[in-house]
């Protein structure tokens, strides 16, 4: 459940940044590159923040 909340928050952030970049007349190719990078960061951050600690260590 917590991972889903992280992803929803990041999706809202990414959409807002993409709209802002569009308003600043950034070329769509670079907006796409930024979106892909932000999605990757969102997944990495969401997984590391919500993963359970290994009980054997």
C-alpha atoms as a PDB file:
ATOM      1  CA  UNK A   1       0.000   0.000   0.000  1.00  0.00           C
ATOM      2  CA  UNK A   2       2.793   2.408   0.881  1.00  0.00           C
ATOM      3  CA  UNK A   3       4.483   1.779  -2.481  1.00  0.00           C
ATOM      4  CA  UNK A   4       1.265   2.786  -4.236  1.00  0.00           C
ATOM      5  CA  UNK A   5       1.175   6.056  -2.312  1.00  0.00           C
ATOM      6  CA  UNK A   6       4.757   6.806  -3.366  1.00  0.00           C
ATOM      7  CA  UNK A   7       3.935   6.115  -7.009  1.00  0.00           C
ATOM      8  CA  UNK A   8       0.789   8.279  -6.952  1.00  0.00           C
ATOM      9  CA  UNK A   9       2.779  11.141  -5.437  1.00  0.00           C
ATOM     10  CA  UNK A  10       5.509  10.822  -8.025  1.00  0.00           C
ATOM     11  CA  UNK A  11       2.983  10.651 -10.875  1.00  0.00           C
ATOM     12  CA  UNK A  12       1.464  13.926  -9.697  1.00  0.00           C
ATOM     13  CA  UNK A  13       4.944  15.466  -9.482  1.00  0.00           C
ATOM     14  CA  UNK A  14       5.951  14.213 -12.934  1.00  0.00           C
ATOM     15  CA  UNK A  15       2.750  15.474 -14.562  1.00  0.00           C
ATOM     16  CA  UNK A  16       3.209  18.885 -12.961  1.00  0.00           C
ATOM     17  CA  UNK A  17       6.816  19.133 -14.103  1.00  0.00           C
ATOM     18  CA  UNK A  18       5.899  18.034 -17.635  1.00  0.00           C
ATOM     19  CA  UNK A  19       3.168  20.677 -17.848  1.00  0.00           C
ATOM     20  CA  UNK A  20       5.584  23.306 -16.567  1.00  0.00           C
ATOM     21  CA  UNK A  21       8.208  22.289 -19.098  1.00  0.00           C
ATOM     22  CA  UNK A  22       5.612  22.461 -21.851  1.00  0.00           C
ATOM     23  CA  UNK A  23       4.659  25.987 -20.774  1.00  0.00           C
ATOM     24  CA  UNK A  24       8.350  26.918 -20.946  1.00  0.00           C
ATOM     25  CA  UNK A  25       8.455  25.610 -24.547  1.00  0.00           C
ATOM     26  CA  UNK A  26      10.858  22.773 -23.836  1.00  0.00           C
ATOM     27  CA  UNK A  27      10.971  20.435 -26.862  1.00  0.00           C
ATOM     28  CA  UNK A  28       8.696  17.383 -26.416  1.00  0.00           C
ATOM     29  CA  UNK A  29      11.648  15.022 -26.950  1.00  0.00           C
ATOM     30  CA  UNK A  30      13.362  16.380 -23.814  1.00  0.00           C
ATOM     31  CA  UNK A  31      10.132  16.345 -21.833  1.00  0.00           C
ATOM     32  CA  UNK A  32       9.879  12.630 -22.671  1.00  0.00           C
ATOM     33  CA  UNK A  33      13.460  12.031 -21.557  1.00  0.00           C
ATOM     34  CA  UNK A  34      12.754  13.809 -18.276  1.00  0.00           C
ATOM     35  CA  UNK A  35       9.598  11.772 -17.716  1.00  0.00           C
ATOM     36  CA  UNK A  36      11.423   8.477 -18.263  1.00  0.00           C
ATOM     37  CA  UNK A  37      14.202   9.514 -15.860  1.00  0.00           C
ATOM     38  CA  UNK A  38      11.711  10.629 -13.219  1.00  0.00           C
ATOM     39  CA  UNK A  39       9.759   7.358 -13.497  1.00  0.00           C
ATOM     40  CA  UNK A  40      12.998   5.436 -12.941  1.00  0.00           C
ATOM     41  CA  UNK A  41      13.839   7.524  -9.889  1.00  0.00           C
ATOM     42  CA  UNK A  42      10.307   7.098  -8.537  1.00  0.00           C
ATOM     43  CA  UNK A  43      10.514   3.316  -8.777  1.00  0.00           C
ATOM     44  CA  UNK A  44      13.944   3.178  -7.159  1.00  0.00           C
ATOM     45  CA  UNK A  45      12.925   5.493  -4.335  1.00  0.00           C
ATOM     46  CA  UNK A  46       9.592   3.754  -3.785  1.00  0.00           C
ATOM     47  CA  UNK A  47      11.157   0.302  -3.582  1.00  0.00           C
ATOM     48  CA  UNK A  48      13.958   1.342  -1.233  1.00  0.00           C
ATOM     49  CA  UNK A  49      11.596   3.271   1.026  1.00  0.00           C
ATOM     50  CA  UNK A  50       8.969   0.533   1.318  1.00  0.00           C
ATOM     51  CA  UNK A  51      10.977  -2.721   1.240  1.00  0.00           C
ATOM     52  CA  UNK A  52      11.005  -4.827   4.369  1.00  0.00           C
ATOM     53  CA  UNK A  53      14.196  -5.444   6.283  1.00  0.00           C
ATOM     54  CA  UNK A  54      15.690  -8.913   5.935  1.00  0.00           C
ATOM     55  CA  UNK A  55      14.893 -10.739   9.197  1.00  0.00           C
ATOM     56  CA  UNK A  56      17.949 -13.024   8.891  1.00  0.00           C
ATOM     57  CA  UNK A  57      20.473 -10.222   9.197  1.00  0.00           C
END
